[in-house]
PDB file of N, CA and C in Angstrom:
ATOM      1  N   MET A   1      14.833  32.520  21.283  1.00  0.00           N
ATOM      2  CA  MET A   1      15.491  31.975  20.121  1.00  0.00           C
ATOM      3  C   MET A   1      15.522  30.446  20.172  1.00  0.00           C
ATOM      4  N   THR A   2      15.780  29.911  21.341  1.00  0.00           N
ATOM      5  CA  THR A   2      15.821  28.463  21.504  1.00  0.00           C
ATOM      6  C   THR A   2      14.447  27.852  21.238  1.00  0.00           C
ATOM      7  N   ARG A   3      13.410  28.527  21.711  1.00  0.00           N
ATOM      8  CA  ARG A   3      12.048  28.031  21.466  1.00  0.00           C
ATOM      9  C   ARG A   3      11.728  28.022  19.980  1.00  0.00           C
ATOM     10  N   LEU A   4      12.129  29.068  19.281  1.00  0.00           N
ATOM     11  CA  LEU A   4      11.883  29.147  17.849  1.00  0.00           C
ATOM     12  C   LEU A   4      12.587  28.017  17.107  1.00  0.00           C
ATOM     13  N   LEU A   5      13.830  27.748  17.433  1.00  0.00           N
ATOM     14  CA  LEU A   5      14.564  26.649  16.798  1.00  0.00           C
ATOM     15  C   LEU A   5      13.936  25.299  17.131  1.00  0.00           C
ATOM     16  N   THR A   6      13.488  25.131  18.364  1.00  0.00           N
ATOM     17  CA  THR A   6      12.840  23.883  18.758  1.00  0.00           C
ATOM     18  C   THR A   6      11.546  23.677  17.985  1.00  0.00           C
ATOM     19  N   ILE A   7      10.760  24.727  17.846  1.00  0.00           N
ATOM     20  CA  ILE A   7       9.500  24.632  17.102  1.00  0.00           C
ATOM     21  C   ILE A   7       9.775  24.315  15.634  1.00  0.00           C
ATOM     22  N   LEU A   8      10.756  24.958  15.040  1.00  0.00           N
ATOM     23  CA  LEU A   8      11.092  24.674  13.644  1.00  0.00           C
ATOM     24  C   LEU A   8      11.595  23.252  13.463  1.00  0.00           C
ATOM     25  N   LEU A   9      12.394  22.771  14.382  1.00  0.00           N
ATOM     26  CA  LEU A   9      12.902  21.405  14.299  1.00  0.00           C
ATOM     27  C   LEU A   9      11.770  20.395  14.418  1.00  0.00           C
ATOM     28  N   LEU A  10      10.889  20.582  15.373  1.00  0.00           N
ATOM     29  CA  LEU A  10       9.774  19.650  15.552  1.00  0.00           C
ATOM     30  C   LEU A  10       8.791  19.705  14.388  1.00  0.00           C
ATOM     31  N   SER A  11       8.566  20.880  13.837  1.00  0.00           N
ATOM     32  CA  SER A  11       7.650  20.969  12.702  1.00  0.00           C
ATOM     33  C   SER A  11       8.249  20.312  11.463  1.00  0.00           C
ATOM     34  N   SER A  12       9.559  20.395  11.296  1.00  0.00           N
ATOM     35  CA  SER A  12      10.177  19.736  10.144  1.00  0.00           C
ATOM     36  C   SER A  12      10.127  18.227  10.291  1.00  0.00           C
ATOM     37  N   VAL A  13      10.233  17.724  11.500  1.00  0.00           N
ATOM     38  CA  VAL A  13      10.111  16.284  11.739  1.00  0.00           C
ATOM     39  C   VAL A  13       8.689  15.830  11.455  1.00  0.00           C
ATOM     40  N   ALA A  14       7.714  16.629  11.847  1.00  0.00           N
ATOM     41  CA  ALA A  14       6.310  16.266  11.649  1.00  0.00           C
ATOM     42  C   ALA A  14       5.911  16.334  10.184  1.00  0.00           C
ATOM     43  N   LEU A  15       6.582  17.140   9.383  1.00  0.00           N
ATOM     44  CA  LEU A  15       6.218  17.304   7.984  1.00  0.00           C
ATOM     45  C   LEU A  15       6.978  16.389   7.038  1.00  0.00           C
ATOM     46  N   THR A  16       7.829  15.522   7.558  1.00  0.00           N
ATOM     47  CA  THR A  16       8.543  14.605   6.675  1.00  0.00           C
ATOM     48  C   THR A  16       7.539  13.671   6.012  1.00  0.00           C
ATOM     49  N   ALA A  17       7.860  13.258   4.813  1.00  0.00           N
ATOM     50  CA  ALA A  17       6.931  12.454   4.026  1.00  0.00           C
ATOM     51  C   ALA A  17       6.749  11.068   4.640  1.00  0.00           C
ATOM     52  N   ALA A  18       5.536  10.767   5.021  1.00  0.00           N
ATOM     53  CA  ALA A  18       5.199   9.443   5.522  1.00  0.00           C
ATOM     54  C   ALA A  18       4.845   8.559   4.329  1.00  0.00           C
ATOM     55  N   PRO A  19       5.063   7.255   4.425  1.00  0.00           N
ATOM     56  CA  PRO A  19       4.684   6.377   3.321  1.00  0.00           C
ATOM     57  C   PRO A  19       3.179   6.465   3.042  1.00  0.00           C
ATOM     58  N   LYS A  20       2.853   6.480   1.774  1.00  0.00           N
ATOM     59  CA  LYS A  20       1.455   6.556   1.361  1.00  0.00           C
ATOM     60  C   LYS A  20       1.094   5.314   0.567  1.00  0.00           C
ATOM     61  N   LEU A  21      -0.138   4.903   0.693  1.00  0.00           N
ATOM     62  CA  LEU A  21      -0.646   3.707   0.038  1.00  0.00           C
ATOM     63  C   LEU A  21      -1.848   4.100  -0.806  1.00  0.00           C
ATOM     64  N   GLU A  22      -1.820   3.717  -2.079  1.00  0.00           N
ATOM     65  CA  GLU A  22      -2.940   3.997  -2.976  1.00  0.00           C
ATOM     66  C   GLU A  22      -3.395   2.668  -3.581  1.00  0.00           C
ATOM     67  N   ILE A  23      -4.690   2.424  -3.549  1.00  0.00           N
ATOM     68  CA  ILE A  23      -5.242   1.178  -4.078  1.00  0.00           C
ATOM     69  C   ILE A  23      -5.719   1.417  -5.505  1.00  0.00           C
ATOM     70  N   LYS A  24      -5.240   0.582  -6.425  1.00  0.00           N
ATOM     71  CA  LYS A  24      -5.635   0.661  -7.831  1.00  0.00           C
ATOM     72  C   LYS A  24      -6.463  -0.578  -8.166  1.00  0.00           C
ATOM     73  N   ARG A  25      -7.642  -0.376  -8.702  1.00  0.00           N
ATOM     74  CA  ARG A  25      -8.540  -1.480  -9.038  1.00  0.00           C
ATOM     75  C   ARG A  25      -8.361  -1.859 -10.508  1.00  0.00           C
ATOM     76  N   VAL A  26      -8.324  -3.165 -10.788  1.00  0.00           N
ATOM     77  CA  VAL A  26      -8.140  -3.675 -12.139  1.00  0.00           C
ATOM     78  C   VAL A  26      -9.325  -4.567 -12.471  1.00  0.00           C
ATOM     79  N   HIS A  27      -9.938  -4.335 -13.622  1.00  0.00           N
ATOM     80  CA  HIS A  27     -11.086  -5.137 -14.065  1.00  0.00           C
ATOM     81  C   HIS A  27     -10.641  -6.132 -15.120  1.00  0.00           C
ATOM     82  N   GLN A  28     -11.338  -7.262 -15.188  1.00  0.00           N
ATOM     83  CA  GLN A  28     -11.045  -8.238 -16.220  1.00  0.00           C
ATOM     84  C   GLN A  28     -11.607  -7.734 -17.544  1.00  0.00           C
ATOM     85  N   LYS A  29     -10.872  -7.939 -18.602  1.00  0.00           N
ATOM     86  CA  LYS A  29     -11.306  -7.474 -19.922  1.00  0.00           C
ATOM     87  C   LYS A  29     -12.342  -8.433 -20.501  1.00  0.00           C
ATOM     88  N   GLU A  30     -13.165  -7.898 -21.421  1.00  0.00           N
ATOM     89  CA  GLU A  30     -14.193  -8.705 -22.077  1.00  0.00           C
ATOM     90  C   GLU A  30     -14.094  -8.519 -23.586  1.00  0.00           C
ATOM     91  N   VAL A  31     -14.453  -9.573 -24.314  1.00  0.00           N
ATOM     92  CA  VAL A  31     -14.522  -9.494 -25.769  1.00  0.00           C
ATOM     93  C   VAL A  31     -15.744  -8.654 -26.114  1.00  0.00           C
ATOM     94  N   GLU A  32     -15.575  -7.624 -26.940  1.00  0.00           N
ATOM     95  CA  GLU A  32     -16.676  -6.720 -27.236  1.00  0.00           C
ATOM     96  C   GLU A  32     -17.840  -7.414 -27.939  1.00  0.00           C
ATOM     97  N   ALA A  33     -17.536  -8.317 -28.870  1.00  0.00           N
ATOM     98  CA  ALA A  33     -18.601  -8.943 -29.658  1.00  0.00           C
ATOM     99  C   ALA A  33     -19.430  -9.915 -28.830  1.00  0.00           C
ATOM    100  N   THR A  34     -18.780 -10.736 -28.004  1.00  0.00           N
ATOM    101  CA  THR A  34     -19.511 -11.781 -27.279  1.00  0.00           C
ATOM    102  C   THR A  34     -19.696 -11.461 -25.801  1.00  0.00           C
ATOM    103  N   GLY A  35     -18.888 -10.599 -25.263  1.00  0.00           N
ATOM    104  CA  GLY A  35     -18.974 -10.288 -23.835  1.00  0.00           C
ATOM    105  C   GLY A  35     -18.294 -11.322 -22.956  1.00  0.00           C
ATOM    106  N   ALA A  36     -17.570 -12.258 -23.566  1.00  0.00           N
ATOM    107  CA  ALA A  36     -16.879 -13.298 -22.800  1.00  0.00           C
ATOM    108  C   ALA A  36     -15.616 -12.719 -22.165  1.00  0.00           C
ATOM    109  N   PRO A  37     -15.361 -13.055 -20.909  1.00  0.00           N
ATOM    110  CA  PRO A  37     -14.147 -12.547 -20.260  1.00  0.00           C
ATOM    111  C   PRO A  37     -12.893 -13.238 -20.796  1.00  0.00           C
ATOM    112  N   TYR A  38     -11.773 -12.496 -20.814  1.00  0.00           N
ATOM    113  CA  TYR A  38     -10.500 -13.077 -21.210  1.00  0.00           C
ATOM    114  C   TYR A  38      -9.389 -12.401 -20.426  1.00  0.00           C
ATOM    115  N   GLY A  39      -8.222 -13.010 -20.433  1.00  0.00           N
ATOM    116  CA  GLY A  39      -7.068 -12.438 -19.756  1.00  0.00           C
ATOM    117  C   GLY A  39      -7.091 -12.726 -18.263  1.00  0.00           C
ATOM    118  N   SER A  40      -6.293 -11.966 -17.563  1.00  0.00           N
ATOM    119  CA  SER A  40      -6.148 -12.133 -16.118  1.00  0.00           C
ATOM    120  C   SER A  40      -7.421 -11.704 -15.399  1.00  0.00           C
ATOM    121  N   PRO A  41      -7.827 -12.450 -14.363  1.00  0.00           N
ATOM    122  CA  PRO A  41      -9.003 -12.010 -13.607  1.00  0.00           C
ATOM    123  C   PRO A  41      -8.728 -10.695 -12.892  1.00  0.00           C
ATOM    124  N   GLY A  42      -9.766  -9.983 -12.556  1.00  0.00           N
ATOM    125  CA  GLY A  42      -9.625  -8.689 -11.919  1.00  0.00           C
ATOM    126  C   GLY A  42      -9.061  -8.785 -10.518  1.00  0.00           C
ATOM    127  N   GLY A  43      -8.700  -7.665  -9.964  1.00  0.00           N
ATOM    128  CA  GLY A  43      -8.158  -7.609  -8.615  1.00  0.00           C
ATOM    129  C   GLY A  43      -7.718  -6.201  -8.298  1.00  0.00           C
ATOM    130  N   ILE A  44      -6.774  -6.093  -7.381  1.00  0.00           N
ATOM    131  CA  ILE A  44      -6.224  -4.783  -7.042  1.00  0.00           C
ATOM    132  C   ILE A  44      -4.712  -4.891  -6.934  1.00  0.00           C
ATOM    133  N   TYR A  45      -4.070  -3.751  -7.080  1.00  0.00           N
ATOM    134  CA  TYR A  45      -2.656  -3.650  -6.738  1.00  0.00           C
ATOM    135  C   TYR A  45      -2.462  -2.353  -5.970  1.00  0.00           C
ATOM    136  N   PHE A  46      -1.368  -2.275  -5.252  1.00  0.00           N
ATOM    137  CA  PHE A  46      -1.098  -1.142  -4.383  1.00  0.00           C
ATOM    138  C   PHE A  46       0.059  -0.333  -4.949  1.00  0.00           C
ATOM    139  N   LYS A  47      -0.092   0.972  -4.925  1.00  0.00           N
ATOM    140  CA  LYS A  47       0.970   1.881  -5.348  1.00  0.00           C
ATOM    141  C   LYS A  47       1.483   2.583  -4.096  1.00  0.00           C
ATOM    142  N   TYR A  48       2.775   2.426  -3.827  1.00  0.00           N
ATOM    143  CA  TYR A  48       3.392   2.996  -2.628  1.00  0.00           C
ATOM    144  C   TYR A  48       4.258   4.189  -3.017  1.00  0.00           C
ATOM    145  N   THR A  49       4.176   5.267  -2.250  1.00  0.00           N
ATOM    146  CA  THR A  49       5.032   6.431  -2.453  1.00  0.00           C
ATOM    147  C   THR A  49       5.556   6.895  -1.100  1.00  0.00           C
ATOM    148  N   GLY A  50       6.664   7.603  -1.122  1.00  0.00           N
ATOM    149  CA  GLY A  50       7.234   8.149   0.100  1.00  0.00           C
ATOM    150  C   GLY A  50       7.925   7.122   0.974  1.00  0.00           C
ATOM    151  N   LEU A  51       8.423   6.040   0.387  1.00  0.00           N
ATOM    152  CA  LEU A  51       9.102   4.996   1.154  1.00  0.00           C
ATOM    153  C   LEU A  51      10.584   5.327   1.302  1.00  0.00           C
ATOM    154  N   ASP A  52      11.186   4.806   2.353  1.00  0.00           N
ATOM    155  CA  ASP A  52      12.636   4.916   2.522  1.00  0.00           C
ATOM    156  C   ASP A  52      13.301   3.807   1.704  1.00  0.00           C
ATOM    157  N   PRO A  53      14.355   4.107   0.963  1.00  0.00           N
ATOM    158  CA  PRO A  53      15.004   3.070   0.155  1.00  0.00           C
ATOM    159  C   PRO A  53      15.745   2.051   1.025  1.00  0.00           C
ATOM    160  N   PHE A  54      15.813   0.825   0.527  1.00  0.00           N
ATOM    161  CA  PHE A  54      16.542  -0.286   1.142  1.00  0.00           C
ATOM    162  C   PHE A  54      16.004  -0.653   2.520  1.00  0.00           C
ATOM    163  N   ILE A  55      14.705  -0.578   2.689  1.00  0.00           N
ATOM    164  CA  ILE A  55      14.037  -0.930   3.940  1.00  0.00           C
ATOM    165  C   ILE A  55      12.984  -1.993   3.627  1.00  0.00           C
ATOM    166  N   MET A  56      12.796  -2.940   4.538  1.00  0.00           N
ATOM    167  CA  MET A  56      11.746  -3.941   4.397  1.00  0.00           C
ATOM    168  C   MET A  56      10.440  -3.400   4.972  1.00  0.00           C
ATOM    169  N   TYR A  57       9.368  -3.571   4.212  1.00  0.00           N
ATOM    170  CA  TYR A  57       8.035  -3.166   4.635  1.00  0.00           C
ATOM    171  C   TYR A  57       7.103  -4.362   4.570  1.00  0.00           C
ATOM    172  N   GLY A  58       5.984  -4.256   5.257  1.00  0.00           N
ATOM    173  CA  GLY A  58       4.950  -5.265   5.206  1.00  0.00           C
ATOM    174  C   GLY A  58       3.605  -4.597   4.991  1.00  0.00           C
ATOM    175  N   LEU A  59       2.748  -5.252   4.216  1.00  0.00           N
ATOM    176  CA  LEU A  59       1.382  -4.776   4.020  1.00  0.00           C
ATOM    177  C   LEU A  59       0.480  -5.620   4.904  1.00  0.00           C
ATOM    178  N   GLU A  60      -0.285  -4.976   5.750  1.00  0.00           N
ATOM    179  CA  GLU A  60      -1.172  -5.671   6.682  1.00  0.00           C
ATOM    180  C   GLU A  60      -2.609  -5.225   6.461  1.00  0.00           C
ATOM    181  N   TYR A  61      -3.549  -6.109   6.827  1.00  0.00           N
ATOM    182  CA  TYR A  61      -4.965  -5.770   6.747  1.00  0.00           C
ATOM    183  C   TYR A  61      -5.648  -6.112   8.060  1.00  0.00           C
ATOM    184  N   SER A  62      -6.778  -5.456   8.294  1.00  0.00           N
ATOM    185  CA  SER A  62      -7.562  -5.699   9.494  1.00  0.00           C
ATOM    186  C   SER A  62      -9.025  -5.417   9.188  1.00  0.00           C
ATOM    187  N   HIS A  63      -9.901  -6.162   9.848  1.00  0.00           N
ATOM    188  CA  HIS A  63     -11.339  -5.920   9.714  1.00  0.00           C
ATOM    189  C   HIS A  63     -11.850  -4.977  10.796  1.00  0.00           C
ATOM    190  N   ASP A  64     -11.176  -4.944  11.950  1.00  0.00           N
ATOM    191  CA  ASP A  64     -11.643  -4.144  13.076  1.00  0.00           C
ATOM    192  C   ASP A  64     -10.618  -3.120  13.562  1.00  0.00           C
ATOM    193  N   MET A  65      -9.470  -3.027  12.916  1.00  0.00           N
ATOM    194  CA  MET A  65      -8.353  -2.139  13.273  1.00  0.00           C
ATOM    195  C   MET A  65      -7.764  -2.445  14.651  1.00  0.00           C
ATOM    196  N   LYS A  66      -7.997  -3.649  15.163  1.00  0.00           N
ATOM    197  CA  LYS A  66      -7.398  -4.078  16.433  1.00  0.00           C
ATOM    198  C   LYS A  66      -6.397  -5.199  16.191  1.00  0.00           C
ATOM    199  N   THR A  67      -6.783  -6.187  15.404  1.00  0.00           N
ATOM    200  CA  THR A  67      -5.883  -7.293  15.080  1.00  0.00           C
ATOM    201  C   THR A  67      -5.478  -7.158  13.609  1.00  0.00           C
ATOM    202  N   TRP A  68      -4.176  -7.152  13.375  1.00  0.00           N
ATOM    203  CA  TRP A  68      -3.650  -6.971  12.022  1.00  0.00           C
ATOM    204  C   TRP A  68      -3.001  -8.259  11.542  1.00  0.00           C
ATOM    205  N   THR A  69      -3.214  -8.609  10.287  1.00  0.00           N
ATOM    206  CA  THR A  69      -2.656  -9.806   9.661  1.00  0.00           C
ATOM    207  C   THR A  69      -1.795  -9.372   8.482  1.00  0.00           C
ATOM    208  N   ARG A  70      -0.600  -9.923   8.390  1.00  0.00           N
ATOM    209  CA  ARG A  70       0.315  -9.563   7.314  1.00  0.00           C
ATOM    210  C   ARG A  70      -0.120 -10.241   6.029  1.00  0.00           C
ATOM    211  N   LEU A  71      -0.269  -9.442   4.966  1.00  0.00           N
ATOM    212  CA  LEU A  71      -0.637  -9.960   3.658  1.00  0.00           C
ATOM    213  C   LEU A  71       0.607 -10.381   2.883  1.00  0.00           C
ATOM    214  N   TYR A  72       1.618  -9.525   2.843  1.00  0.00           N
ATOM    215  CA  TYR A  72       2.904  -9.898   2.240  1.00  0.00           C
ATOM    216  C   TYR A  72       3.965  -8.875   2.627  1.00  0.00           C
ATOM    217  N   ASN A  73       5.219  -9.242   2.426  1.00  0.00           N
ATOM    218  CA  ASN A  73       6.375  -8.388   2.718  1.00  0.00           C
ATOM    219  C   ASN A  73       6.996  -7.937   1.396  1.00  0.00           C
ATOM    220  N   PHE A  74       7.622  -6.765   1.416  1.00  0.00           N
ATOM    221  CA  PHE A  74       8.312  -6.301   0.228  1.00  0.00           C
ATOM    222  C   PHE A  74       9.461  -5.387   0.627  1.00  0.00           C
ATOM    223  N   GLY A  75      10.462  -5.338  -0.225  1.00  0.00           N
ATOM    224  CA  GLY A  75      11.605  -4.465  -0.019  1.00  0.00           C
ATOM    225  C   GLY A  75      11.622  -3.379  -1.078  1.00  0.00           C
ATOM    226  N   THR A  76      12.346  -2.308  -0.811  1.00  0.00           N
ATOM    227  CA  THR A  76      12.376  -1.196  -1.753  1.00  0.00           C
ATOM    228  C   THR A  76      13.810  -0.899  -2.173  1.00  0.00           C
ATOM    229  N   ALA A  77      13.953  -0.414  -3.393  1.00  0.00           N
ATOM    230  CA  ALA A  77      15.237   0.069  -3.871  1.00  0.00           C
ATOM    231  C   ALA A  77      15.168   1.568  -4.121  1.00  0.00           C
ATOM    232  N   GLY A  78      13.963   2.111  -4.156  1.00  0.00           N
ATOM    233  CA  GLY A  78      13.756   3.548  -4.355  1.00  0.00           C
ATOM    234  C   GLY A  78      12.658   4.018  -3.415  1.00  0.00           C
ATOM    235  N   ASP A  79      12.096   5.187  -3.708  1.00  0.00           N
ATOM    236  CA  ASP A  79      11.054   5.711  -2.818  1.00  0.00           C
ATOM    237  C   ASP A  79       9.645   5.411  -3.309  1.00  0.00           C
ATOM    238  N   ASN A  80       9.490   4.840  -4.507  1.00  0.00           N
ATOM    239  CA  ASN A  80       8.183   4.467  -5.034  1.00  0.00           C
ATOM    240  C   ASN A  80       8.233   3.028  -5.524  1.00  0.00           C
ATOM    241  N   THR A  81       7.142   2.313  -5.365  1.00  0.00           N
ATOM    242  CA  THR A  81       7.066   0.938  -5.872  1.00  0.00           C
ATOM    243  C   THR A  81       5.600   0.557  -6.053  1.00  0.00           C
ATOM    244  N   THR A  82       5.383  -0.551  -6.722  1.00  0.00           N
ATOM    245  CA  THR A  82       4.038  -1.061  -6.970  1.00  0.00           C
ATOM    246  C   THR A  82       4.008  -2.536  -6.594  1.00  0.00           C
ATOM    247  N   SER A  83       2.912  -2.965  -6.006  1.00  0.00           N
ATOM    248  CA  SER A  83       2.771  -4.362  -5.603  1.00  0.00           C
ATOM    249  C   SER A  83       2.399  -5.217  -6.812  1.00  0.00           C
ATOM    250  N   PRO A  84       2.528  -6.526  -6.683  1.00  0.00           N
ATOM    251  CA  PRO A  84       2.001  -7.392  -7.738  1.00  0.00           C
ATOM    252  C   PRO A  84       0.474  -7.352  -7.713  1.00  0.00           C
ATOM    253  N   LEU A  85      -0.136  -7.775  -8.800  1.00  0.00           N
ATOM    254  CA  LEU A  85      -1.590  -7.826  -8.865  1.00  0.00           C
ATOM    255  C   LEU A  85      -2.104  -8.899  -7.921  1.00  0.00           C
ATOM    256  N   LEU A  86      -2.996  -8.526  -7.042  1.00  0.00           N
ATOM    257  CA  LEU A  86      -3.627  -9.471  -6.126  1.00  0.00           C
ATOM    258  C   LEU A  86      -5.046  -9.720  -6.623  1.00  0.00           C
ATOM    259  N   HIS A  87      -5.327 -10.967  -6.996  1.00  0.00           N
ATOM    260  CA  HIS A  87      -6.657 -11.312  -7.508  1.00  0.00           C
ATOM    261  C   HIS A  87      -7.657 -11.331  -6.354  1.00  0.00           C
ATOM    262  N   TRP A  88      -8.916 -11.236  -6.705  1.00  0.00           N
ATOM    263  CA  TRP A  88      -9.955 -11.130  -5.672  1.00  0.00           C
ATOM    264  C   TRP A  88      -9.954 -12.328  -4.736  1.00  0.00           C
ATOM    265  N   PHE A  89      -9.668 -13.527  -5.244  1.00  0.00           N
ATOM    266  CA  PHE A  89      -9.690 -14.715  -4.388  1.00  0.00           C
ATOM    267  C   PHE A  89      -8.489 -14.760  -3.447  1.00  0.00           C
ATOM    268  N   GLU A  90      -7.443 -13.962  -3.677  1.00  0.00           N
ATOM    269  CA  GLU A  90      -6.275 -13.910  -2.798  1.00  0.00           C
ATOM    270  C   GLU A  90      -6.429 -12.896  -1.672  1.00  0.00           C
ATOM    271  N   LEU A  91      -7.415 -12.036  -1.782  1.00  0.00           N
ATOM    272  CA  LEU A  91      -7.613 -10.973  -0.797  1.00  0.00           C
ATOM    273  C   LEU A  91      -8.532 -11.437   0.326  1.00  0.00           C
ATOM    274  N   PRO A  92      -8.472 -10.789   1.482  1.00  0.00           N
ATOM    275  CA  PRO A  92      -9.366 -11.153   2.581  1.00  0.00           C
ATOM    276  C   PRO A  92     -10.816 -10.854   2.218  1.00  0.00           C
ATOM    277  N   PRO A  93     -11.743 -11.680   2.690  1.00  0.00           N
ATOM    278  CA  PRO A  93     -13.155 -11.454   2.369  1.00  0.00           C
ATOM    279  C   PRO A  93     -13.715 -10.254   3.136  1.00  0.00           C
ATOM    280  N   GLY A  94     -14.691  -9.597   2.544  1.00  0.00           N
ATOM    281  CA  GLY A  94     -15.360  -8.482   3.213  1.00  0.00           C
ATOM    282  C   GLY A  94     -14.551  -7.203   3.164  1.00  0.00           C
ATOM    283  N   ASN A  95     -15.062  -6.197   3.849  1.00  0.00           N
ATOM    284  CA  ASN A  95     -14.382  -4.898   3.912  1.00  0.00           C
ATOM    285  C   ASN A  95     -13.236  -4.965   4.904  1.00  0.00           C
ATOM    286  N   CYS A  96     -12.140  -4.306   4.580  1.00  0.00           N
ATOM    287  CA  CYS A  96     -11.009  -4.299   5.497  1.00  0.00           C
ATOM    288  C   CYS A  96     -10.177  -3.036   5.288  1.00  0.00           C
ATOM    289  N   PHE A  97      -9.294  -2.790   6.231  1.00  0.00           N
ATOM    290  CA  PHE A  97      -8.382  -1.659   6.212  1.00  0.00           C
ATOM    291  C   PHE A  97      -6.985  -2.177   5.909  1.00  0.00           C
ATOM    292  N   PHE A  98      -6.188  -1.369   5.214  1.00  0.00           N
ATOM    293  CA  PHE A  98      -4.806  -1.739   4.895  1.00  0.00           C
ATOM    294  C   PHE A  98      -3.861  -0.720   5.511  1.00  0.00           C
ATOM    295  N   ARG A  99      -2.651  -1.185   5.854  1.00  0.00           N
ATOM    296  CA  ARG A  99      -1.616  -0.283   6.340  1.00  0.00           C
ATOM    297  C   ARG A  99      -0.248  -0.826   5.957  1.00  0.00           C
ATOM    298  N   ILE A 100       0.734   0.084   5.943  1.00  0.00           N
ATOM    299  CA  ILE A 100       2.125  -0.279   5.675  1.00  0.00           C
ATOM    300  C   ILE A 100       2.877  -0.203   6.999  1.00  0.00           C
ATOM    301  N   VAL A 101       3.665  -1.231   7.302  1.00  0.00           N
ATOM    302  CA  VAL A 101       4.491  -1.196   8.505  1.00  0.00           C
ATOM    303  C   VAL A 101       5.951  -1.425   8.095  1.00  0.00           C
ATOM    304  N   GLN A 102       6.834  -0.750   8.789  1.00  0.00           N
ATOM    305  CA  GLN A 102       8.272  -0.926   8.545  1.00  0.00           C
ATOM    306  C   GLN A 102       8.741  -2.113   9.387  1.00  0.00           C
ATOM    307  N   LEU A 103       9.386  -3.085   8.739  1.00  0.00           N
ATOM    308  CA  LEU A 103       9.759  -4.313   9.440  1.00  0.00           C
ATOM    309  C   LEU A 103      11.113  -4.191  10.124  1.00  0.00           C
ATOM    310  N   TRP A 104      12.089  -3.550   9.513  1.00  0.00           N
ATOM    311  CA  TRP A 104      13.411  -3.445  10.138  1.00  0.00           C
ATOM    312  C   TRP A 104      13.802  -2.020  10.233  1.00  0.00           C
TER     313      TRP A 104
END
C-alpha cells in the first residue's frame, strides 16, 4: 500500500504542468497595389502557458545549449502571458534555442 501511494504521489508530481513556450511569427504587411511595406517590421513574439502566477521568469537563448544569455525578464499575474513583439534586429543572429527559467 505504501508503494502504491508513493508511486501515485511521484507520478502526480511528474505530471504537473511545466511552463510551455510557443513562438509566433509576425510578418510585415504590404500594400496590395504597390507591394510597398508598411506598419511595424516583422519579428516574433512568445506565448507562454502553464506559468505560476506572481513569479518572475526570464527568457534565455543559446546557440550551443551550453552557455545561456538572458534576453529579457518578465513577471506574471496569471498562468498565461504573451511577450512584446521582438523585431528581427533585436533577436540574436543565426539559429538558437530558447528556454524559460524561473528567477525567484
